Amino acid sequence: MMSVCDIGTSKLAYQFTGKGELTFVIDTALGTCSAEWRHIARALEQYGRVLVYDRAGYGQSTGSSLDRTPRNIADELKRLLDFLNIERNIVVIGHSQGGLYAVQFALAYPGSVCGLILLDPATPYDDEFKKVLTKEEYRQSGVDKTGSLKAARWITGAGLGFTLRPLLQKGIPFYYHEFDPETKEYLLRSLCRKETYKTALAEYFFSHSSADTKDIADAVSEGALADMPIKLLTHSSQIYIKELMRYGGMHRDVAEKVESLWQGIMSKYAHLSQRCEHITADKSGHYIHLTDEELLLNIAKSFAGS
């Protein structure tokens, strides 16, 4: 059962469980909601308190009156944390787009955050793909999400979201993990809402605006989180190259080129802190939390024991 907090700009749906001084806060990927992480949240309860929430516009949360900039999203999370009286000893776990927001939150509220776990995090450096790849390589790479998000927004906006359900159930995240019926339904409902794709497009736009990600890029250059423990988890190149070849229709040399670029831009986050550890998830592609739960939990455990 989700609770709801009215933060003024949105009504955020969340679950807050567990006990202890340490709080794990989970920020999800582009276009998805907290239900994708329920199994992880349950497992994390043995190490501390756990907050999973639907960002404004996703799941059961209403849309926001604010632009979907990284700073606004970090500020909305802070309002939710203030409501729950969570002020410090926070480990933010961010996957993909959520990784970008986790970094933004740590920069904005360093006194509250005691660590970051970043899983294949989004970065301010996606323009490097356009600079290096040909137009055809860039199209095949799937880096640009605009087209697919616009198509889904049109379908759901036309009241045809239900037609997506059979296709969605065969794809991500269901391809990688067997969810319980209630969680599966929650995910499907979220993925069939127009607001989901409207929000995702707005998040995608502002995360690719150099003006709105400048403080993150500057922080990487300056090593602004110098003493903060950071675990940077990135996917297996071997697995991802195979996925690019299978689902993107790429030749191996192109897939290797795309993968090298992606690993290179994610690894820049290692400069954020002298205490950043870069770990390869050898069993996983992009969805590490769905394919190697044990690795993630062991990393979380290391924060609980520190």
Foldseek 3Di string as FASTA:
>chain_A
DWDWDCLPFKIKTKDKDAADLAEEEEFEAALFAQLVCPVLLVVCNVLHMYMGIGQDLFQPMHHGPDFLFLLVSLVSVVSVCVVVVQAANYEYEAAAQRLLSNLNNCVVRVRRHQEYEYFLYHALPPVVCVVPDDPLLSVLLCPDVVVVLVVLLVCLVVVNLVVCVVVVCCDPPNVQAPHDPVSVVSRSVRSSHSSSSVNSNSNVVNSNDCVRCVVVVVLLVVLVQAAHAYEYEYEALVVQLVVSCVVSVDDSVSSNVSSVVSVVRSCSCCSNYPNYDYHYLDQDHSPCCRGPVPVVSVVSNVSSVD
